PDB file of N, CA and C in Angstrom:
ATOM      1  N   UNK A   1       0.790  -1.188   0.065  1.00  0.00           N
ATOM      2  CA  UNK A   1      -0.035  -0.083  -0.031  1.00  0.00           C
ATOM      3  C   UNK A   1       0.827   1.285   0.064  1.00  0.00           C
ATOM      4  N   UNK A   2       1.951   1.230   0.736  1.00  0.00           N
ATOM      5  CA  UNK A   2       2.997   2.434   0.824  1.00  0.00           C
ATOM      6  C   UNK A   2       3.565   2.673  -0.686  1.00  0.00           C
ATOM      7  N   UNK A   3       3.784   1.523  -1.572  1.00  0.00           N
ATOM      8  CA  UNK A   3       4.234   1.649  -2.759  1.00  0.00           C
ATOM      9  C   UNK A   3       3.214   2.380  -3.862  1.00  0.00           C
ATOM     10  N   UNK A   4       2.032   1.913  -3.552  1.00  0.00           N
ATOM     11  CA  UNK A   4       0.897   2.649  -4.319  1.00  0.00           C
ATOM     12  C   UNK A   4       0.711   3.985  -3.958  1.00  0.00           C
ATOM     13  N   UNK A   5       0.753   4.305  -2.744  1.00  0.00           N
ATOM     14  CA  UNK A   5       0.523   5.726  -2.213  1.00  0.00           C
ATOM     15  C   UNK A   5       1.464   6.661  -2.814  1.00  0.00           C
ATOM     16  N   UNK A   6       2.924   6.114  -2.750  1.00  0.00           N
ATOM     17  CA  UNK A   6       3.852   6.855  -3.189  1.00  0.00           C
ATOM     18  C   UNK A   6       4.049   6.949  -4.591  1.00  0.00           C
ATOM     19  N   UNK A   7       3.515   5.935  -5.508  1.00  0.00           N
ATOM     20  CA  UNK A   7       3.379   6.030  -6.849  1.00  0.00           C
ATOM     21  C   UNK A   7       2.332   7.027  -7.377  1.00  0.00           C
ATOM     22  N   UNK A   8       1.118   6.930  -6.575  1.00  0.00           N
ATOM     23  CA  UNK A   8       0.039   7.910  -6.949  1.00  0.00           C
ATOM     24  C   UNK A   8       0.569   9.365  -6.683  1.00  0.00           C
ATOM     25  N   UNK A   9       1.252   9.607  -5.557  1.00  0.00           N
ATOM     26  CA  UNK A   9       1.736  10.929  -5.228  1.00  0.00           C
ATOM     27  C   UNK A   9       2.633  11.337  -6.345  1.00  0.00           C
ATOM     28  N   UNK A  10       3.559  10.460  -6.856  1.00  0.00           N
ATOM     29  CA  UNK A  10       4.515  11.004  -7.919  1.00  0.00           C
ATOM     30  C   UNK A  10       3.764  11.054  -9.270  1.00  0.00           C
ATOM     31  N   UNK A  11       2.669  10.475  -9.520  1.00  0.00           N
ATOM     32  CA  UNK A  11       1.755  10.498 -10.735  1.00  0.00           C
ATOM     33  C   UNK A  11       1.273  11.896 -10.578  1.00  0.00           C
ATOM     34  N   UNK A  12       0.494  12.107  -9.592  1.00  0.00           N
ATOM     35  CA  UNK A  12      -0.080  13.611  -9.168  1.00  0.00           C
ATOM     36  C   UNK A  12       0.841  14.718  -9.466  1.00  0.00           C
ATOM     37  N   UNK A  13       2.119  14.443  -8.834  1.00  0.00           N
ATOM     38  CA  UNK A  13       3.109  15.536  -8.894  1.00  0.00           C
ATOM     39  C   UNK A  13       3.423  15.854 -10.281  1.00  0.00           C
ATOM     40  N   UNK A  14       3.742  14.842 -10.912  1.00  0.00           N
ATOM     41  CA  UNK A  14       3.997  14.809 -12.485  1.00  0.00           C
ATOM     42  C   UNK A  14       3.063  15.550 -13.249  1.00  0.00           C
ATOM     43  N   UNK A  15       1.750  15.115 -13.028  1.00  0.00           N
ATOM     44  CA  UNK A  15       0.545  15.730 -13.901  1.00  0.00           C
ATOM     45  C   UNK A  15       0.496  17.184 -13.493  1.00  0.00           C
ATOM     46  N   UNK A  16       0.721  17.596 -12.248  1.00  0.00           N
ATOM     47  CA  UNK A  16       0.678  19.231 -12.075  1.00  0.00           C
ATOM     48  C   UNK A  16       1.787  19.772 -12.685  1.00  0.00           C
ATOM     49  N   UNK A  17       2.941  19.129 -12.624  1.00  0.00           N
ATOM     50  CA  UNK A  17       4.064  19.839 -13.303  1.00  0.00           C
ATOM     51  C   UNK A  17       3.764  20.073 -14.849  1.00  0.00           C
ATOM     52  N   UNK A  18       3.214  18.869 -15.617  1.00  0.00           N
ATOM     53  CA  UNK A  18       2.906  19.009 -16.886  1.00  0.00           C
ATOM     54  C   UNK A  18       1.855  19.888 -17.249  1.00  0.00           C
ATOM     55  N   UNK A  19       0.935  20.176 -16.330  1.00  0.00           N
ATOM     56  CA  UNK A  19      -0.170  21.358 -16.457  1.00  0.00           C
ATOM     57  C   UNK A  19       0.575  22.771 -16.396  1.00  0.00           C
ATOM     58  N   UNK A  20       1.344  22.951 -15.518  1.00  0.00           N
ATOM     59  CA  UNK A  20       2.203  24.090 -15.175  1.00  0.00           C
ATOM     60  C   UNK A  20       3.081  24.489 -16.249  1.00  0.00           C
ATOM     61  N   UNK A  21       3.684  23.541 -16.724  1.00  0.00           N
ATOM     62  CA  UNK A  21       4.766  23.551 -18.026  1.00  0.00           C
ATOM     63  C   UNK A  21       3.918  23.864 -19.266  1.00  0.00           C
ATOM     64  N   UNK A  22       3.063  23.384 -19.428  1.00  0.00           N
ATOM     65  CA  UNK A  22       1.937  23.451 -20.620  1.00  0.00           C
ATOM     66  C   UNK A  22       1.743  25.135 -20.409  1.00  0.00           C
ATOM     67  N   UNK A  23       1.304  25.566 -19.514  1.00  0.00           N
ATOM     68  CA  UNK A  23       0.812  26.885 -19.458  1.00  0.00           C
ATOM     69  C   UNK A  23       1.951  27.748 -19.503  1.00  0.00           C
ATOM     70  N   UNK A  24       3.221  27.403 -19.043  1.00  0.00           N
ATOM     71  CA  UNK A  24       4.338  28.342 -19.210  1.00  0.00           C
ATOM     72  C   UNK A  24       4.870  28.455 -20.774  1.00  0.00           C
ATOM     73  N   UNK A  25       4.846  27.178 -21.400  1.00  0.00           N
ATOM     74  CA  UNK A  25       5.226  27.127 -22.664  1.00  0.00           C
ATOM     75  C   UNK A  25       4.332  27.899 -23.649  1.00  0.00           C
ATOM     76  N   UNK A  26       3.134  27.899 -23.353  1.00  0.00           N
ATOM     77  CA  UNK A  26       2.215  28.715 -24.224  1.00  0.00           C
ATOM     78  C   UNK A  26       2.380  30.252 -23.884  1.00  0.00           C
ATOM     79  N   UNK A  27       2.608  30.690 -22.680  1.00  0.00           N
ATOM     80  CA  UNK A  27       2.969  31.991 -22.584  1.00  0.00           C
ATOM     81  C   UNK A  27       4.443  32.405 -23.163  1.00  0.00           C
ATOM     82  N   UNK A  28       5.240  31.439 -23.218  1.00  0.00           N
ATOM     83  CA  UNK A  28       6.707  31.857 -23.740  1.00  0.00           C
ATOM     84  C   UNK A  28       6.557  31.954 -25.335  1.00  0.00           C
ATOM     85  N   UNK A  29       5.723  30.987 -25.812  1.00  0.00           N
ATOM     86  CA  UNK A  29       5.505  31.048 -27.363  1.00  0.00           C
ATOM     87  C   UNK A  29       4.796  32.496 -27.696  1.00  0.00           C
ATOM     88  N   UNK A  30       3.917  32.793 -27.061  1.00  0.00           N
ATOM     89  CA  UNK A  30       3.123  34.151 -27.229  1.00  0.00           C
ATOM     90  C   UNK A  30       4.196  35.272 -27.230  1.00  0.00           C
ATOM     91  N   UNK A  31       5.078  35.342 -26.009  1.00  0.00           N
ATOM     92  CA  UNK A  31       6.066  36.265 -25.943  1.00  0.00           C
ATOM     93  C   UNK A  31       6.983  36.298 -27.196  1.00  0.00           C
ATOM     94  N   UNK A  32       7.404  34.950 -27.554  1.00  0.00           N
ATOM     95  CA  UNK A  32       8.334  34.882 -28.715  1.00  0.00           C
ATOM     96  C   UNK A  32       7.789  35.624 -29.945  1.00  0.00           C
ATOM     97  N   UNK A  33       6.453  35.334 -30.291  1.00  0.00           N
ATOM     98  CA  UNK A  33       5.777  35.883 -31.352  1.00  0.00           C
ATOM     99  C   UNK A  33       5.703  37.185 -31.313  1.00  0.00           C
ATOM    100  N   UNK A  34       5.291  37.893 -30.274  1.00  0.00           N
ATOM    101  CA  UNK A  34       5.191  39.357 -30.045  1.00  0.00           C
ATOM    102  C   UNK A  34       6.735  40.004 -30.249  1.00  0.00           C
ATOM    103  N   UNK A  35       7.551  39.383 -29.643  1.00  0.00           N
ATOM    104  CA  UNK A  35       8.836  39.920 -29.823  1.00  0.00           C
ATOM    105  C   UNK A  35       9.523  39.843 -31.406  1.00  0.00           C
ATOM    106  N   UNK A  36       9.266  38.769 -31.806  1.00  0.00           N
ATOM    107  CA  UNK A  36       9.503  38.547 -33.353  1.00  0.00           C
ATOM    108  C   UNK A  36       8.739  39.713 -34.148  1.00  0.00           C
ATOM    109  N   UNK A  37       7.569  40.005 -34.025  1.00  0.00           N
ATOM    110  CA  UNK A  37       6.809  40.991 -34.599  1.00  0.00           C
ATOM    111  C   UNK A  37       7.270  42.410 -34.342  1.00  0.00           C
ATOM    112  N   UNK A  38       7.728  42.607 -33.285  1.00  0.00           N
ATOM    113  CA  UNK A  38       8.292  43.768 -32.796  1.00  0.00           C
ATOM    114  C   UNK A  38       9.731  44.000 -33.780  1.00  0.00           C
ATOM    115  N   UNK A  39      10.438  43.074 -33.624  1.00  0.00           N
ATOM    116  CA  UNK A  39      11.727  43.195 -34.468  1.00  0.00           C
ATOM    117  C   UNK A  39      11.447  43.318 -35.986  1.00  0.00           C
ATOM    118  N   UNK A  40      10.398  42.805 -36.528  1.00  0.00           N
ATOM    119  CA  UNK A  40      10.050  42.866 -37.899  1.00  0.00           C
ATOM    120  C   UNK A  40       9.520  44.332 -38.211  1.00  0.00           C
ATOM    121  N   UNK A  41       8.737  44.895 -37.092  1.00  0.00           N
ATOM    122  CA  UNK A  41       8.187  46.225 -37.323  1.00  0.00           C
ATOM    123  C   UNK A  41       9.367  47.291 -37.299  1.00  0.00           C
ATOM    124  N   UNK A  42      10.626  46.677 -36.665  1.00  0.00           N
ATOM    125  CA  UNK A  42      11.560  47.643 -36.484  1.00  0.00           C
ATOM    126  C   UNK A  42      12.660  47.518 -37.747  1.00  0.00           C
ATOM    127  N   UNK A  43      12.221  46.626 -38.427  1.00  0.00           N
ATOM    128  CA  UNK A  43      12.859  46.558 -39.906  1.00  0.00           C
ATOM    129  C   UNK A  43      13.657  45.166 -39.960  1.00  0.00           C
ATOM    130  N   UNK A  44      13.725  44.294 -38.918  1.00  0.00           N
ATOM    131  CA  UNK A  44      14.414  42.969 -38.916  1.00  0.00           C
ATOM    132  C   UNK A  44      13.715  41.874 -39.794  1.00  0.00           C
ATOM    133  N   UNK A  45      14.489  41.270 -40.636  1.00  0.00           N
ATOM    134  CA  UNK A  45      13.506  40.305 -41.353  1.00  0.00           C
ATOM    135  C   UNK A  45      13.593  38.929 -40.558  1.00  0.00           C
ATOM    136  N   UNK A  46      12.955  38.045 -41.188  1.00  0.00           N
ATOM    137  CA  UNK A  46      12.788  36.598 -40.642  1.00  0.00           C
ATOM    138  C   UNK A  46      14.111  35.715 -40.658  1.00  0.00           C
ATOM    139  N   UNK A  47      14.873  36.088 -41.669  1.00  0.00           N
ATOM    140  CA  UNK A  47      16.240  35.438 -41.583  1.00  0.00           C
ATOM    141  C   UNK A  47      17.261  35.906 -40.519  1.00  0.00           C
ATOM    142  N   UNK A  48      17.108  37.229 -40.352  1.00  0.00           N
ATOM    143  CA  UNK A  48      17.980  37.697 -39.049  1.00  0.00           C
ATOM    144  C   UNK A  48      17.551  37.039 -37.718  1.00  0.00           C
ATOM    145  N   UNK A  49      16.142  37.084 -37.739  1.00  0.00           N
ATOM    146  CA  UNK A  49      15.681  36.684 -36.451  1.00  0.00           C
ATOM    147  C   UNK A  49      16.096  35.157 -36.433  1.00  0.00           C
ATOM    148  N   UNK A  50      16.062  34.536 -37.334  1.00  0.00           N
ATOM    149  CA  UNK A  50      16.352  33.007 -37.371  1.00  0.00           C
ATOM    150  C   UNK A  50      17.781  32.756 -37.050  1.00  0.00           C
ATOM    151  N   UNK A  51      18.662  33.658 -37.402  1.00  0.00           N
ATOM    152  CA  UNK A  51      20.104  33.510 -36.994  1.00  0.00           C
ATOM    153  C   UNK A  51      20.133  33.634 -35.527  1.00  0.00           C
ATOM    154  N   UNK A  52      19.581  34.600 -35.007  1.00  0.00           N
ATOM    155  CA  UNK A  52      19.710  34.846 -33.644  1.00  0.00           C
ATOM    156  C   UNK A  52      19.207  33.691 -32.755  1.00  0.00           C
ATOM    157  N   UNK A  53      18.086  33.031 -33.295  1.00  0.00           N
ATOM    158  CA  UNK A  53      17.653  31.939 -32.582  1.00  0.00           C
ATOM    159  C   UNK A  53      18.304  30.472 -32.752  1.00  0.00           C
ATOM    160  N   UNK A  54      18.905  30.426 -33.966  1.00  0.00           N
ATOM    161  CA  UNK A  54      19.713  29.267 -34.416  1.00  0.00           C
ATOM    162  C   UNK A  54      18.651  28.216 -34.981  1.00  0.00           C
ATOM    163  N   UNK A  55      17.468  28.942 -35.668  1.00  0.00           N
ATOM    164  CA  UNK A  55      16.583  28.346 -36.382  1.00  0.00           C
ATOM    165  C   UNK A  55      16.398  28.548 -37.851  1.00  0.00           C
ATOM    166  N   UNK A  56      15.504  28.165 -38.688  1.00  0.00           N
ATOM    167  CA  UNK A  56      15.352  28.418 -40.048  1.00  0.00           C
ATOM    168  C   UNK A  56      14.403  29.667 -40.218  1.00  0.00           C
ATOM    169  N   UNK A  57      14.591  30.371 -41.165  1.00  0.00           N
ATOM    170  CA  UNK A  57      13.521  31.431 -41.409  1.00  0.00           C
ATOM    171  C   UNK A  57      12.143  30.952 -41.689  1.00  0.00           C
ATOM    172  N   UNK A  58      12.026  29.869 -42.055  1.00  0.00           N
ATOM    173  CA  UNK A  58      10.686  28.999 -42.212  1.00  0.00           C
ATOM    174  C   UNK A  58       9.963  29.048 -40.960  1.00  0.00           C
ATOM    175  N   UNK A  59      10.928  28.400 -39.883  1.00  0.00           N
ATOM    176  CA  UNK A  59      10.444  28.394 -38.615  1.00  0.00           C
ATOM    177  C   UNK A  59       9.989  29.816 -37.783  1.00  0.00           C
ATOM    178  N   UNK A  60      10.633  30.697 -38.248  1.00  0.00           N
ATOM    179  CA  UNK A  60      10.275  31.931 -37.658  1.00  0.00           C
ATOM    180  C   UNK A  60       8.930  32.350 -38.223  1.00  0.00           C
ATOM    181  N   UNK A  61       8.921  32.170 -39.534  1.00  0.00           N
ATOM    182  CA  UNK A  61       7.713  32.515 -40.337  1.00  0.00           C
ATOM    183  C   UNK A  61       6.437  31.627 -39.790  1.00  0.00           C
ATOM    184  N   UNK A  62       6.768  30.240 -39.515  1.00  0.00           N
ATOM    185  CA  UNK A  62       5.657  29.602 -38.994  1.00  0.00           C
ATOM    186  C   UNK A  62       5.214  30.044 -37.640  1.00  0.00           C
ATOM    187  N   UNK A  63       6.108  30.419 -36.570  1.00  0.00           N
ATOM    188  CA  UNK A  63       5.594  30.745 -35.504  1.00  0.00           C
ATOM    189  C   UNK A  63       5.000  32.091 -35.403  1.00  0.00           C
ATOM    190  N   UNK A  64       5.495  32.921 -36.302  1.00  0.00           N
ATOM    191  CA  UNK A  64       4.692  34.461 -36.373  1.00  0.00           C
ATOM    192  C   UNK A  64       3.465  34.280 -36.896  1.00  0.00           C
ATOM    193  N   UNK A  65       3.103  33.543 -37.689  1.00  0.00           N
ATOM    194  CA  UNK A  65       1.881  33.312 -38.525  1.00  0.00           C
ATOM    195  C   UNK A  65       1.000  32.254 -37.950  1.00  0.00           C
ATOM    196  N   UNK A  66       1.352  31.427 -36.702  1.00  0.00           N
ATOM    197  CA  UNK A  66       0.606  30.697 -36.012  1.00  0.00           C
ATOM    198  C   UNK A  66      -0.801  31.120 -35.862  1.00  0.00           C
ATOM    199  N   UNK A  67      -1.126  32.035 -35.296  1.00  0.00           N
ATOM    200  CA  UNK A  67      -2.454  32.466 -34.930  1.00  0.00           C
ATOM    201  C   UNK A  67      -3.287  32.934 -36.121  1.00  0.00           C
ATOM    202  N   UNK A  68      -2.782  33.191 -37.139  1.00  0.00           N
ATOM    203  CA  UNK A  68      -3.302  33.328 -38.348  1.00  0.00           C
ATOM    204  C   UNK A  68      -3.928  32.148 -38.936  1.00  0.00           C
ATOM    205  N   UNK A  69      -3.006  31.286 -38.880  1.00  0.00           N
ATOM    206  CA  UNK A  69      -3.556  29.875 -39.455  1.00  0.00           C
ATOM    207  C   UNK A  69      -4.331  29.240 -38.537  1.00  0.00           C
ATOM    208  N   UNK A  70      -4.504  29.360 -37.169  1.00  0.00           N
ATOM    209  CA  UNK A  70      -5.383  28.955 -36.320  1.00  0.00           C
ATOM    210  C   UNK A  70      -6.808  29.628 -36.468  1.00  0.00           C
ATOM    211  N   UNK A  71      -6.646  30.822 -36.847  1.00  0.00           N
ATOM    212  CA  UNK A  71      -7.952  31.461 -36.841  1.00  0.00           C
ATOM    213  C   UNK A  71      -8.625  31.285 -38.242  1.00  0.00           C
ATOM    214  N   UNK A  72      -8.061  30.916 -39.212  1.00  0.00           N
ATOM    215  CA  UNK A  72      -8.496  30.297 -40.446  1.00  0.00           C
ATOM    216  C   UNK A  72      -9.164  28.845 -40.342  1.00  0.00           C
ATOM    217  N   UNK A  73      -8.574  28.022 -39.585  1.00  0.00           N
ATOM    218  CA  UNK A  73      -8.970  26.573 -39.342  1.00  0.00           C
ATOM    219  C   UNK A  73     -10.311  26.819 -38.543  1.00  0.00           C
ATOM    220  N   UNK A  74     -10.431  27.819 -37.575  1.00  0.00           N
ATOM    221  CA  UNK A  74     -11.709  27.726 -36.764  1.00  0.00           C
ATOM    222  C   UNK A  74     -12.884  28.325 -37.548  1.00  0.00           C
ATOM    223  N   UNK A  75     -12.530  29.312 -38.743  1.00  0.00           N
ATOM    224  CA  UNK A  75     -13.553  29.991 -39.222  1.00  0.00           C
ATOM    225  C   UNK A  75     -14.074  31.219 -38.511  1.00  0.00           C
ATOM    226  N   UNK A  76     -14.830  31.895 -39.197  1.00  0.00           N
ATOM    227  CA  UNK A  76     -15.495  33.051 -38.573  1.00  0.00           C
ATOM    228  C   UNK A  76     -16.397  32.448 -37.179  1.00  0.00           C
ATOM    229  N   UNK A  77     -16.434  33.549 -36.517  1.00  0.00           N
ATOM    230  CA  UNK A  77     -17.054  33.300 -35.115  1.00  0.00           C
ATOM    231  C   UNK A  77     -18.655  33.720 -35.263  1.00  0.00           C
TER     232      UNK A  77
END
C-alpha cells in the first residue's frame, strides 16, 4: 500500500508539473511571437531573427503566422 500511495503521489505531482509547464510554454510562445513581430516592425527580417535563435527563417515565419493559421482553421465566429 505504501508503494501505491508513493506512486500515486508521484503521478499527481508529475501531472501538476505537466499542466504548469504547458501553461508556461504557451506564454513563452506568445512572448516569442510578440518579440519577433516587434523586431520585424523595427526593420529586421525573418532570416535575421532566425540566425539569432539558431532556427530556420521558415520556423520563424511559422511561429509568427501561427495565430493566423489557427484563426483560418476555426473559421468566422
